């Protein structure tokens, strides 16, 4: 039975110089994943692109899988910072306007480095760290549920946990497929049409 790869960093970077080294390694990993793929992302190759020694790499990361997890965490932090701000902005909006804004935000979030997003979605199972994605999803569900709780008078009687799961999963699937798996880059008109139809879908389910 194959041993699971080590995915936890060896140590955290506390000084400015060590943080710069870690940032260079994580950035190099992201670039290699996009341009060359997971299989080419050896620790030697990552160190070379980052401009650091392999020994320095191993001071912080025990494997390339640990570096991929660090890329996932950084990418998710960027997206969640964007999403949290959006939910704060729509908290007081009526249902249809809020849903429209949330769909638009989901599409914009998937447009944050979409090539990297696609690679990470494909490679996360190989790192053995699916809990990173699950934690990301749980926060999305909680944010959406909080909005529904504050707008009970606008929606039908429904279990809020289930409704949040259905809505977030539907919006995520639509945005993910449209942005990452479309044959060509979405035009502004196509994005607007998708937002309109997805809003009808989610608002209709909740009404």
N, C-alpha and C. Protein backbone atom coordinates (compact mmCIF):
# COMPACT_ATOMS: atom_id res chain seq x y z
N UNK A 1 0.84 -1.19 0.00
CA UNK A 1 0.00 0.00 0.00
C UNK A 1 0.89 1.25 0.00
N UNK A 2 0.62 2.16 -0.93
CA UNK A 2 1.46 3.36 -1.07
C UNK A 2 1.29 4.28 0.13
N UNK A 3 2.41 4.85 0.58
CA UNK A 3 2.37 5.78 1.68
C UNK A 3 1.76 7.10 1.23
N UNK A 4 0.94 7.69 2.11
CA UNK A 4 0.38 9.01 1.78
C UNK A 4 1.50 10.05 1.79
N UNK A 5 1.47 10.98 0.84
CA UNK A 5 2.50 12.02 0.84
C UNK A 5 2.35 12.94 2.04
N UNK A 6 3.47 13.45 2.54
CA UNK A 6 3.44 14.42 3.62
C UNK A 6 3.00 15.77 3.05
N UNK A 7 1.97 16.34 3.65
CA UNK A 7 1.42 17.57 3.08
C UNK A 7 1.46 18.76 4.04
N UNK A 8 1.93 18.55 5.26
CA UNK A 8 2.02 19.66 6.21
C UNK A 8 3.40 20.31 6.09
N UNK A 9 3.45 21.64 6.12
CA UNK A 9 4.76 22.31 6.08
C UNK A 9 5.63 21.87 7.25
N UNK A 10 6.94 21.85 7.06
CA UNK A 10 7.86 21.48 8.14
C UNK A 10 7.91 22.56 9.21
N UNK A 11 7.90 23.81 8.78
CA UNK A 11 7.91 24.92 9.73
C UNK A 11 7.31 26.14 9.05
N UNK A 12 6.86 27.09 9.85
CA UNK A 12 6.29 28.32 9.29
C UNK A 12 7.39 29.35 9.11
N UNK A 13 7.15 30.25 8.18
CA UNK A 13 8.13 31.31 7.90
C UNK A 13 7.80 32.51 8.76
N UNK A 14 8.72 32.87 9.66
CA UNK A 14 8.44 33.97 10.58
C UNK A 14 9.20 35.24 10.21
N UNK A 15 10.37 35.11 9.61
CA UNK A 15 11.14 36.28 9.24
C UNK A 15 10.87 36.68 7.80
N UNK A 16 11.17 37.94 7.50
CA UNK A 16 10.87 38.47 6.16
C UNK A 16 11.57 37.66 5.07
N UNK A 17 12.83 37.31 5.30
CA UNK A 17 13.57 36.57 4.29
C UNK A 17 12.98 35.18 4.07
N UNK A 18 12.62 34.50 5.16
CA UNK A 18 12.05 33.16 5.02
C UNK A 18 10.67 33.22 4.39
N UNK A 19 9.89 34.26 4.70
CA UNK A 19 8.58 34.42 4.05
C UNK A 19 8.75 34.64 2.56
N UNK A 20 9.77 35.38 2.17
CA UNK A 20 10.03 35.60 0.74
C UNK A 20 10.39 34.29 0.06
N UNK A 21 11.14 33.43 0.75
CA UNK A 21 11.50 32.12 0.18
C UNK A 21 10.26 31.27 0.00
N UNK A 22 9.41 31.22 1.00
CA UNK A 22 8.18 30.43 0.92
C UNK A 22 7.28 30.96 -0.18
N UNK A 23 7.13 32.28 -0.27
CA UNK A 23 6.30 32.87 -1.32
C UNK A 23 6.83 32.51 -2.71
N UNK A 24 8.17 32.54 -2.85
CA UNK A 24 8.78 32.19 -4.14
C UNK A 24 8.51 30.73 -4.49
N UNK A 25 8.58 29.85 -3.50
CA UNK A 25 8.33 28.42 -3.74
C UNK A 25 6.87 28.15 -4.10
N UNK A 26 5.97 28.80 -3.38
CA UNK A 26 4.54 28.60 -3.66
C UNK A 26 4.19 29.18 -5.02
N UNK A 27 4.73 30.36 -5.33
CA UNK A 27 4.48 30.96 -6.64
C UNK A 27 5.04 30.12 -7.77
N UNK A 28 6.24 29.58 -7.58
CA UNK A 28 6.84 28.72 -8.60
C UNK A 28 6.01 27.46 -8.81
N UNK A 29 5.51 26.89 -7.72
CA UNK A 29 4.66 25.69 -7.83
C UNK A 29 3.42 25.98 -8.65
N UNK A 30 2.79 27.11 -8.38
CA UNK A 30 1.58 27.48 -9.12
C UNK A 30 1.87 27.63 -10.61
N UNK A 31 2.98 28.29 -10.94
CA UNK A 31 3.31 28.50 -12.35
C UNK A 31 3.60 27.18 -13.05
N UNK A 32 4.30 26.28 -12.39
CA UNK A 32 4.62 24.98 -12.99
C UNK A 32 3.37 24.14 -13.17
N UNK A 33 2.48 24.16 -12.19
CA UNK A 33 1.23 23.40 -12.30
C UNK A 33 0.45 23.83 -13.54
N UNK A 34 0.39 25.14 -13.78
CA UNK A 34 -0.37 25.66 -14.91
C UNK A 34 0.32 25.36 -16.24
N UNK A 35 1.63 25.58 -16.29
CA UNK A 35 2.34 25.48 -17.57
C UNK A 35 2.82 24.06 -17.90
N UNK A 36 3.17 23.29 -16.87
CA UNK A 36 3.81 21.99 -17.12
C UNK A 36 3.06 20.80 -16.55
N UNK A 37 2.16 21.04 -15.59
CA UNK A 37 1.37 19.96 -15.03
C UNK A 37 1.96 19.40 -13.75
N UNK A 38 1.13 18.66 -13.03
CA UNK A 38 1.50 18.11 -11.73
C UNK A 38 2.71 17.19 -11.82
N UNK A 39 2.76 16.34 -12.82
CA UNK A 39 3.82 15.35 -12.91
C UNK A 39 5.20 15.98 -13.12
N UNK A 40 5.25 17.15 -13.74
CA UNK A 40 6.52 17.84 -13.96
C UNK A 40 6.93 18.69 -12.74
N UNK A 41 6.03 18.81 -11.80
CA UNK A 41 6.29 19.68 -10.64
C UNK A 41 7.08 18.93 -9.57
N UNK A 42 8.30 18.54 -9.91
CA UNK A 42 9.18 17.90 -8.93
C UNK A 42 9.74 18.96 -7.99
N UNK A 43 10.23 18.53 -6.84
CA UNK A 43 10.82 19.50 -5.92
C UNK A 43 12.05 20.16 -6.54
N UNK A 44 12.82 19.41 -7.33
CA UNK A 44 13.98 20.00 -8.01
C UNK A 44 13.56 21.09 -8.98
N UNK A 45 12.50 20.81 -9.74
CA UNK A 45 12.01 21.78 -10.73
C UNK A 45 11.44 23.02 -10.03
N UNK A 46 10.72 22.81 -8.96
CA UNK A 46 10.14 23.94 -8.22
C UNK A 46 11.24 24.82 -7.65
N UNK A 47 12.25 24.20 -7.05
CA UNK A 47 13.36 24.97 -6.49
C UNK A 47 14.08 25.76 -7.58
N UNK A 48 14.26 25.14 -8.74
CA UNK A 48 14.93 25.80 -9.86
C UNK A 48 14.16 27.04 -10.29
N UNK A 49 12.86 26.91 -10.49
CA UNK A 49 12.03 28.04 -10.94
C UNK A 49 11.96 29.12 -9.86
N UNK A 50 11.93 28.70 -8.60
CA UNK A 50 11.85 29.67 -7.50
C UNK A 50 13.18 30.38 -7.26
N UNK A 51 14.27 29.79 -7.80
CA UNK A 51 15.58 30.40 -7.60
C UNK A 51 16.15 30.15 -6.22
N UNK A 52 15.79 29.00 -5.62
CA UNK A 52 16.33 28.64 -4.30
C UNK A 52 16.89 27.22 -4.38
N UNK A 53 17.64 26.82 -3.39
CA UNK A 53 18.20 25.48 -3.38
C UNK A 53 17.14 24.47 -2.95
N UNK A 54 17.34 23.21 -3.35
CA UNK A 54 16.42 22.15 -2.92
C UNK A 54 16.47 22.01 -1.41
N UNK A 55 17.66 22.21 -0.84
CA UNK A 55 17.79 22.14 0.61
C UNK A 55 16.92 23.17 1.30
N UNK A 56 16.87 24.38 0.75
CA UNK A 56 16.00 25.42 1.32
C UNK A 56 14.54 25.02 1.21
N UNK A 57 14.18 24.43 0.06
CA UNK A 57 12.79 23.96 -0.12
C UNK A 57 12.42 22.99 0.98
N UNK A 58 13.31 22.00 1.24
CA UNK A 58 12.99 20.96 2.22
C UNK A 58 13.02 21.48 3.66
N UNK A 59 13.56 22.66 3.88
CA UNK A 59 13.46 23.25 5.21
C UNK A 59 12.00 23.58 5.55
N UNK A 60 11.22 23.89 4.51
CA UNK A 60 9.84 24.33 4.74
C UNK A 60 8.79 23.32 4.30
N UNK A 61 9.08 22.55 3.25
CA UNK A 61 8.08 21.64 2.69
C UNK A 61 8.67 20.24 2.50
N UNK A 62 7.99 19.20 2.98
CA UNK A 62 8.53 17.84 2.88
C UNK A 62 8.31 17.18 1.53
N UNK A 63 7.47 17.76 0.67
CA UNK A 63 7.14 17.12 -0.60
C UNK A 63 6.51 18.13 -1.53
N UNK A 64 6.40 17.75 -2.80
CA UNK A 64 5.71 18.63 -3.74
C UNK A 64 4.23 18.71 -3.42
N UNK A 65 3.66 17.62 -2.85
CA UNK A 65 2.25 17.65 -2.47
C UNK A 65 1.99 18.71 -1.41
N UNK A 66 2.95 18.88 -0.48
CA UNK A 66 2.80 19.93 0.53
C UNK A 66 2.79 21.31 -0.11
N UNK A 67 3.59 21.48 -1.15
CA UNK A 67 3.60 22.75 -1.87
C UNK A 67 2.29 22.98 -2.62
N UNK A 68 1.74 21.92 -3.21
CA UNK A 68 0.46 22.05 -3.90
C UNK A 68 -0.63 22.45 -2.90
N UNK A 69 -0.60 21.85 -1.71
CA UNK A 69 -1.57 22.22 -0.67
C UNK A 69 -1.41 23.69 -0.30
N UNK A 70 -0.17 24.17 -0.23
CA UNK A 70 0.06 25.58 0.07
C UNK A 70 -0.51 26.47 -1.03
N UNK A 71 -0.39 26.03 -2.29
CA UNK A 71 -0.98 26.78 -3.40
C UNK A 71 -2.50 26.80 -3.27
N UNK A 72 -3.09 25.64 -2.95
CA UNK A 72 -4.54 25.55 -2.75
C UNK A 72 -4.98 26.51 -1.66
N UNK A 73 -4.28 26.48 -0.53
CA UNK A 73 -4.66 27.34 0.60
C UNK A 73 -4.59 28.82 0.21
N UNK A 74 -3.52 29.21 -0.50
CA UNK A 74 -3.38 30.61 -0.90
C UNK A 74 -4.48 31.01 -1.87
N UNK A 75 -4.76 30.14 -2.84
CA UNK A 75 -5.81 30.42 -3.82
C UNK A 75 -7.17 30.54 -3.14
N UNK A 76 -7.45 29.61 -2.21
CA UNK A 76 -8.73 29.66 -1.50
C UNK A 76 -8.85 30.91 -0.63
N UNK A 77 -7.75 31.32 -0.01
CA UNK A 77 -7.78 32.55 0.79
C UNK A 77 -8.11 33.75 -0.06
N UNK A 78 -7.52 33.82 -1.25
CA UNK A 78 -7.80 34.94 -2.16
C UNK A 78 -9.28 34.97 -2.53
N UNK A 79 -9.82 33.79 -2.86
CA UNK A 79 -11.22 33.72 -3.26
C UNK A 79 -12.14 34.04 -2.10
N UNK A 80 -11.85 33.46 -0.91
CA UNK A 80 -12.75 33.68 0.23
C UNK A 80 -12.73 35.12 0.70
N UNK A 81 -11.61 35.79 0.58
CA UNK A 81 -11.57 37.22 0.93
C UNK A 81 -12.52 38.00 0.03
N UNK A 82 -12.53 37.64 -1.23
CA UNK A 82 -13.41 38.26 -2.22
C UNK A 82 -14.88 37.93 -1.90
N UNK A 83 -15.15 36.66 -1.59
CA UNK A 83 -16.52 36.21 -1.33
C UNK A 83 -17.07 36.81 -0.04
N UNK A 84 -16.26 36.86 1.01
CA UNK A 84 -16.73 37.44 2.28
C UNK A 84 -17.15 38.89 2.10
N UNK A 85 -16.34 39.64 1.35
CA UNK A 85 -16.69 41.04 1.09
C UNK A 85 -17.99 41.16 0.34
N UNK A 86 -18.22 40.24 -0.60
CA UNK A 86 -19.45 40.28 -1.39
C UNK A 86 -20.67 39.98 -0.52
N UNK A 87 -20.56 38.99 0.36
CA UNK A 87 -21.69 38.66 1.24
C UNK A 87 -22.00 39.81 2.18
N UNK A 88 -20.98 40.51 2.65
CA UNK A 88 -21.21 41.67 3.51
C UNK A 88 -21.97 42.75 2.74
N UNK A 89 -21.66 42.90 1.46
CA UNK A 89 -22.31 43.93 0.64
C UNK A 89 -23.78 43.62 0.37
N UNK A 90 -24.14 42.33 0.29
CA UNK A 90 -25.51 41.97 -0.10
C UNK A 90 -26.40 41.66 1.10
N UNK A 91 -25.86 41.74 2.30
CA UNK A 91 -26.62 41.31 3.49
C UNK A 91 -27.98 41.99 3.62
N UNK A 92 -28.06 43.24 3.21
CA UNK A 92 -29.32 43.98 3.38
C UNK A 92 -30.16 44.01 2.11
N UNK A 93 -29.69 43.43 1.03
CA UNK A 93 -30.44 43.46 -0.23
C UNK A 93 -31.59 42.46 -0.23
N UNK A 94 -32.69 42.77 -0.96
CA UNK A 94 -33.77 41.80 -1.10
C UNK A 94 -33.30 40.58 -1.88
N UNK A 95 -34.06 39.50 -1.78
CA UNK A 95 -33.63 38.19 -2.26
C UNK A 95 -33.11 38.18 -3.69
N UNK A 96 -33.90 38.64 -4.64
CA UNK A 96 -33.50 38.51 -6.04
C UNK A 96 -32.23 39.29 -6.34
N UNK A 97 -32.13 40.51 -5.80
CA UNK A 97 -30.93 41.31 -6.03
C UNK A 97 -29.71 40.66 -5.38
N UNK A 98 -29.92 40.08 -4.19
CA UNK A 98 -28.81 39.44 -3.50
C UNK A 98 -28.34 38.20 -4.26
N UNK A 99 -29.28 37.39 -4.72
CA UNK A 99 -28.92 36.19 -5.47
C UNK A 99 -28.17 36.57 -6.75
N UNK A 100 -28.65 37.57 -7.42
CA UNK A 100 -27.99 38.03 -8.65
C UNK A 100 -26.54 38.42 -8.35
N UNK A 101 -26.35 39.16 -7.26
CA UNK A 101 -25.00 39.58 -6.89
C UNK A 101 -24.13 38.39 -6.52
N UNK A 102 -24.71 37.41 -5.82
CA UNK A 102 -23.94 36.23 -5.42
C UNK A 102 -23.52 35.39 -6.62
N UNK A 103 -24.40 35.26 -7.59
CA UNK A 103 -24.05 34.52 -8.81
C UNK A 103 -22.91 35.25 -9.54
N UNK A 104 -23.04 36.57 -9.64
CA UNK A 104 -22.00 37.36 -10.31
C UNK A 104 -20.66 37.19 -9.59
N UNK A 105 -20.69 37.19 -8.27
CA UNK A 105 -19.47 37.04 -7.48
C UNK A 105 -18.85 35.66 -7.70
N UNK A 106 -19.68 34.63 -7.76
CA UNK A 106 -19.17 33.27 -7.99
C UNK A 106 -18.45 33.18 -9.32
N UNK A 107 -19.02 33.81 -10.34
CA UNK A 107 -18.38 33.80 -11.66
C UNK A 107 -17.07 34.58 -11.61
N UNK A 108 -17.08 35.75 -10.96
CA UNK A 108 -15.86 36.55 -10.85
C UNK A 108 -14.78 35.79 -10.07
N UNK A 109 -15.20 35.08 -9.02
CA UNK A 109 -14.24 34.33 -8.21
C UNK A 109 -13.56 33.24 -9.04
N UNK A 110 -14.33 32.60 -9.91
CA UNK A 110 -13.75 31.56 -10.76
C UNK A 110 -12.86 32.15 -11.85
N UNK A 111 -12.99 33.45 -12.06
CA UNK A 111 -12.12 34.10 -13.04
C UNK A 111 -10.82 34.59 -12.41
N UNK A 112 -10.64 34.36 -11.10
CA UNK A 112 -9.37 34.66 -10.44
C UNK A 112 -8.42 33.52 -10.77
N UNK A 113 -7.56 33.75 -11.72
CA UNK A 113 -6.58 32.74 -12.16
C UNK A 113 -7.28 31.42 -12.52
N UNK A 114 -8.15 31.43 -13.54
CA UNK A 114 -8.94 30.23 -13.86
C UNK A 114 -8.11 29.01 -14.25
N UNK A 115 -6.97 29.23 -14.91
CA UNK A 115 -6.13 28.09 -15.28
C UNK A 115 -5.62 27.36 -14.04
N UNK A 116 -5.20 28.14 -13.05
CA UNK A 116 -4.74 27.54 -11.80
C UNK A 116 -5.90 26.86 -11.08
N UNK A 117 -7.05 27.50 -11.07
CA UNK A 117 -8.24 26.94 -10.42
C UNK A 117 -8.56 25.57 -11.00
N UNK A 118 -8.50 25.46 -12.30
CA UNK A 118 -8.81 24.18 -12.95
C UNK A 118 -7.80 23.10 -12.57
N UNK A 119 -6.52 23.46 -12.60
CA UNK A 119 -5.47 22.49 -12.25
C UNK A 119 -5.64 22.02 -10.81
N UNK A 120 -5.90 22.95 -9.91
CA UNK A 120 -6.04 22.59 -8.50
C UNK A 120 -7.25 21.70 -8.28
N UNK A 121 -8.35 21.99 -8.96
CA UNK A 121 -9.54 21.15 -8.84
C UNK A 121 -9.25 19.71 -9.26
N UNK A 122 -8.39 19.57 -10.26
CA UNK A 122 -8.04 18.23 -10.75
C UNK A 122 -7.05 17.52 -9.84
N UNK A 123 -6.16 18.27 -9.20
CA UNK A 123 -5.04 17.66 -8.48
C UNK A 123 -5.24 17.54 -6.97
N UNK A 124 -6.22 18.22 -6.41
CA UNK A 124 -6.42 18.16 -4.96
C UNK A 124 -6.55 16.72 -4.45
N UNK A 125 -7.31 15.83 -5.14
CA UNK A 125 -7.39 14.45 -4.63
C UNK A 125 -6.02 13.77 -4.53
N UNK A 126 -5.08 14.13 -5.38
CA UNK A 126 -3.76 13.50 -5.35
C UNK A 126 -2.95 13.94 -4.14
N UNK A 127 -3.32 15.05 -3.53
CA UNK A 127 -2.61 15.51 -2.34
C UNK A 127 -3.17 14.88 -1.07
N UNK A 128 -4.35 14.25 -1.19
CA UNK A 128 -4.97 13.66 -0.02
C UNK A 128 -5.52 14.68 0.96
N UNK A 129 -5.78 15.88 0.50
CA UNK A 129 -6.23 16.95 1.40
C UNK A 129 -7.58 17.52 0.97
N UNK A 130 -8.54 16.63 0.74
CA UNK A 130 -9.88 17.08 0.34
C UNK A 130 -10.55 17.90 1.43
N UNK A 131 -10.07 17.75 2.69
CA UNK A 131 -10.69 18.52 3.77
C UNK A 131 -10.49 20.01 3.57
N UNK A 132 -9.45 20.40 2.82
CA UNK A 132 -9.26 21.82 2.52
C UNK A 132 -10.44 22.37 1.73
N UNK A 133 -10.89 21.58 0.75
CA UNK A 133 -12.04 21.98 -0.06
C UNK A 133 -13.30 21.95 0.77
N UNK A 134 -13.43 20.94 1.63
CA UNK A 134 -14.63 20.82 2.46
C UNK A 134 -14.76 22.01 3.41
N UNK A 135 -13.64 22.45 3.97
CA UNK A 135 -13.67 23.62 4.84
C UNK A 135 -14.07 24.88 4.08
N UNK A 136 -13.56 25.02 2.87
CA UNK A 136 -13.91 26.13 1.99
C UNK A 136 -15.41 26.12 1.71
N UNK A 137 -15.97 24.94 1.39
CA UNK A 137 -17.40 24.83 1.11
C UNK A 137 -18.24 25.14 2.34
N UNK A 138 -17.79 24.65 3.50
CA UNK A 138 -18.57 24.89 4.73
C UNK A 138 -18.72 26.39 5.00
N UNK A 139 -17.67 27.14 4.76
CA UNK A 139 -17.77 28.58 4.98
C UNK A 139 -18.75 29.22 4.01
N UNK A 140 -18.73 28.78 2.77
CA UNK A 140 -19.70 29.30 1.80
C UNK A 140 -21.13 28.99 2.22
N UNK A 141 -21.37 27.74 2.65
CA UNK A 141 -22.71 27.36 3.11
C UNK A 141 -23.13 28.23 4.29
N UNK A 142 -22.22 28.45 5.24
CA UNK A 142 -22.54 29.23 6.43
C UNK A 142 -22.89 30.68 6.07
N UNK A 143 -22.15 31.26 5.13
CA UNK A 143 -22.42 32.63 4.71
C UNK A 143 -23.78 32.74 4.04
N UNK A 144 -24.09 31.76 3.18
CA UNK A 144 -25.38 31.79 2.48
C UNK A 144 -26.51 31.55 3.47
N UNK A 145 -26.30 30.62 4.41
CA UNK A 145 -27.34 30.34 5.40
C UNK A 145 -27.62 31.58 6.25
N UNK A 146 -26.57 32.31 6.61
CA UNK A 146 -26.75 33.52 7.40
C UNK A 146 -27.60 34.54 6.65
N UNK A 147 -27.38 34.64 5.33
CA UNK A 147 -28.20 35.56 4.54
C UNK A 147 -29.67 35.11 4.58
N UNK A 148 -29.92 33.81 4.37
CA UNK A 148 -31.29 33.29 4.37
C UNK A 148 -31.97 33.51 5.72
N UNK A 149 -31.21 33.31 6.79
CA UNK A 149 -31.75 33.51 8.14
C UNK A 149 -32.25 34.94 8.32
N UNK A 150 -31.52 35.88 7.74
CA UNK A 150 -31.90 37.28 7.87
C UNK A 150 -33.02 37.71 6.93
N UNK A 151 -33.42 36.80 6.01
CA UNK A 151 -34.47 37.12 5.03
C UNK A 151 -35.54 36.04 5.01
N UNK A 152 -35.85 35.50 6.20
CA UNK A 152 -36.84 34.44 6.31
C UNK A 152 -38.19 34.83 5.71
N UNK A 153 -38.53 36.12 5.83
CA UNK A 153 -39.84 36.57 5.36
C UNK A 153 -39.94 36.59 3.83
N UNK A 154 -38.81 36.43 3.13
CA UNK A 154 -38.83 36.48 1.66
C UNK A 154 -38.79 35.09 1.02
N UNK A 155 -38.60 34.05 1.83
CA UNK A 155 -38.47 32.71 1.25
C UNK A 155 -39.54 31.79 1.82
N UNK A 156 -39.79 30.71 1.10
CA UNK A 156 -40.77 29.72 1.56
C UNK A 156 -40.23 28.97 2.78
N UNK A 157 -41.10 28.23 3.45
CA UNK A 157 -40.68 27.43 4.59
C UNK A 157 -39.77 26.32 4.09
N UNK A 158 -38.53 26.34 4.51
CA UNK A 158 -37.55 25.37 4.02
C UNK A 158 -36.44 25.26 5.06
N UNK A 159 -35.85 24.09 5.15
CA UNK A 159 -34.70 23.89 6.03
C UNK A 159 -33.53 24.73 5.51
N UNK A 160 -33.05 25.64 6.32
CA UNK A 160 -32.04 26.59 5.85
C UNK A 160 -30.71 25.92 5.53
N UNK A 161 -30.34 24.90 6.28
CA UNK A 161 -29.10 24.17 5.99
C UNK A 161 -29.18 23.54 4.61
N UNK A 162 -30.31 22.87 4.36
CA UNK A 162 -30.50 22.21 3.07
C UNK A 162 -30.57 23.24 1.94
N UNK A 163 -31.30 24.33 2.17
CA UNK A 163 -31.44 25.36 1.14
C UNK A 163 -30.08 25.98 0.80
N UNK A 164 -29.27 26.25 1.82
CA UNK A 164 -27.94 26.81 1.58
C UNK A 164 -27.09 25.83 0.77
N UNK A 165 -27.17 24.55 1.11
CA UNK A 165 -26.42 23.53 0.36
C UNK A 165 -26.85 23.49 -1.10
N UNK A 166 -28.15 23.47 -1.33
CA UNK A 166 -28.68 23.40 -2.70
C UNK A 166 -28.26 24.64 -3.50
N UNK A 167 -28.40 25.81 -2.90
CA UNK A 167 -28.11 27.05 -3.63
C UNK A 167 -26.62 27.21 -3.91
N UNK A 168 -25.80 27.02 -2.90
CA UNK A 168 -24.36 27.20 -3.08
C UNK A 168 -23.80 26.17 -4.06
N UNK A 169 -24.25 24.92 -3.92
CA UNK A 169 -23.76 23.87 -4.82
C UNK A 169 -24.18 24.15 -6.25
N UNK A 170 -25.38 24.62 -6.45
CA UNK A 170 -25.87 24.93 -7.80
C UNK A 170 -25.10 26.09 -8.41
N UNK A 171 -24.94 27.15 -7.63
CA UNK A 171 -24.21 28.33 -8.13
C UNK A 171 -22.76 27.96 -8.45
N UNK A 172 -22.13 27.21 -7.54
CA UNK A 172 -20.74 26.80 -7.75
C UNK A 172 -20.58 25.95 -9.00
N UNK A 173 -21.50 25.00 -9.20
CA UNK A 173 -21.42 24.11 -10.37
C UNK A 173 -21.59 24.90 -11.66
N UNK A 174 -22.53 25.83 -11.68
CA UNK A 174 -22.76 26.64 -12.87
C UNK A 174 -21.55 27.51 -13.18
N UNK A 175 -21.02 28.19 -12.16
CA UNK A 175 -19.87 29.07 -12.36
C UNK A 175 -18.64 28.27 -12.77
N UNK A 176 -18.40 27.17 -12.09
CA UNK A 176 -17.23 26.34 -12.37
C UNK A 176 -17.25 25.82 -13.80
N UNK A 177 -18.38 25.28 -14.21
CA UNK A 177 -18.48 24.70 -15.55
C UNK A 177 -18.41 25.78 -16.62
N UNK A 178 -19.11 26.88 -16.39
CA UNK A 178 -19.15 27.95 -17.40
C UNK A 178 -17.78 28.59 -17.61
N UNK A 179 -17.07 28.86 -16.52
CA UNK A 179 -15.80 29.58 -16.63
C UNK A 179 -14.64 28.65 -16.98
N UNK A 180 -14.60 27.48 -16.36
CA UNK A 180 -13.42 26.63 -16.49
C UNK A 180 -13.51 25.59 -17.59
N UNK A 181 -14.72 25.29 -18.02
CA UNK A 181 -14.86 24.23 -19.02
C UNK A 181 -15.57 24.66 -20.29
N UNK A 182 -15.74 25.96 -20.45
CA UNK A 182 -16.33 26.44 -21.70
C UNK A 182 -15.29 26.36 -22.81
N UNK A 183 -15.75 26.18 -24.03
CA UNK A 183 -14.84 26.01 -25.16
C UNK A 183 -14.04 27.29 -25.43
N UNK A 184 -14.62 28.43 -25.09
CA UNK A 184 -13.94 29.70 -25.32
C UNK A 184 -14.28 30.67 -24.18
N UNK A 185 -13.53 31.74 -24.10
CA UNK A 185 -13.74 32.72 -23.04
C UNK A 185 -15.15 33.30 -23.15
N UNK A 186 -15.83 33.38 -22.00
CA UNK A 186 -17.19 33.90 -22.00
C UNK A 186 -17.20 35.39 -22.33
N UNK A 187 -18.09 35.77 -23.23
CA UNK A 187 -18.27 37.20 -23.54
C UNK A 187 -19.06 37.84 -22.40
N UNK A 188 -19.04 39.16 -22.35
CA UNK A 188 -19.81 39.88 -21.34
C UNK A 188 -21.30 39.57 -21.47
N UNK A 189 -21.76 39.44 -22.71
CA UNK A 189 -23.17 39.13 -22.94
C UNK A 189 -23.52 37.74 -22.42
N UNK A 190 -22.61 36.78 -22.63
CA UNK A 190 -22.84 35.42 -22.15
C UNK A 190 -22.86 35.37 -20.62
N UNK A 191 -21.99 36.14 -20.00
CA UNK A 191 -21.95 36.19 -18.54
C UNK A 191 -23.26 36.77 -18.00
N UNK A 192 -23.72 37.85 -18.61
CA UNK A 192 -24.98 38.46 -18.16
C UNK A 192 -26.15 37.49 -18.33
N UNK A 193 -26.17 36.77 -19.43
CA UNK A 193 -27.24 35.79 -19.65
C UNK A 193 -27.19 34.68 -18.61
N UNK A 194 -25.99 34.22 -18.28
CA UNK A 194 -25.84 33.17 -17.27
C UNK A 194 -26.29 33.67 -15.91
N UNK A 195 -25.91 34.89 -15.55
CA UNK A 195 -26.34 35.46 -14.27
C UNK A 195 -27.85 35.54 -14.21
N UNK A 196 -28.48 35.98 -15.30
CA UNK A 196 -29.94 36.10 -15.35
C UNK A 196 -30.62 34.75 -15.14
N UNK A 197 -30.16 33.74 -15.87
CA UNK A 197 -30.79 32.41 -15.78
C UNK A 197 -30.54 31.75 -14.43
N UNK A 198 -29.33 31.90 -13.91
CA UNK A 198 -29.02 31.31 -12.60
C UNK A 198 -29.81 32.00 -11.50
N UNK A 199 -30.02 33.31 -11.63
CA UNK A 199 -30.84 34.03 -10.65
C UNK A 199 -32.26 33.52 -10.66
N UNK A 200 -32.81 33.31 -11.85
CA UNK A 200 -34.17 32.75 -11.98
C UNK A 200 -34.24 31.38 -11.28
N UNK A 201 -33.21 30.56 -11.52
CA UNK A 201 -33.18 29.22 -10.95
C UNK A 201 -33.17 29.26 -9.42
N UNK A 202 -32.25 30.02 -8.83
CA UNK A 202 -32.09 30.04 -7.38
C UNK A 202 -33.24 30.78 -6.70
N UNK A 203 -33.61 31.94 -7.21
CA UNK A 203 -34.73 32.70 -6.62
C UNK A 203 -36.02 31.92 -6.72
N UNK A 204 -36.23 31.24 -7.85
CA UNK A 204 -37.43 30.42 -8.01
C UNK A 204 -37.49 29.28 -7.04
N UNK A 205 -36.35 28.67 -6.75
CA UNK A 205 -36.29 27.58 -5.76
C UNK A 205 -36.62 28.08 -4.37
N UNK A 206 -36.15 29.28 -4.05
CA UNK A 206 -36.34 29.80 -2.68
C UNK A 206 -37.73 30.40 -2.47
N UNK A 207 -38.36 30.89 -3.53
CA UNK A 207 -39.67 31.54 -3.38
C UNK A 207 -40.77 30.52 -3.11
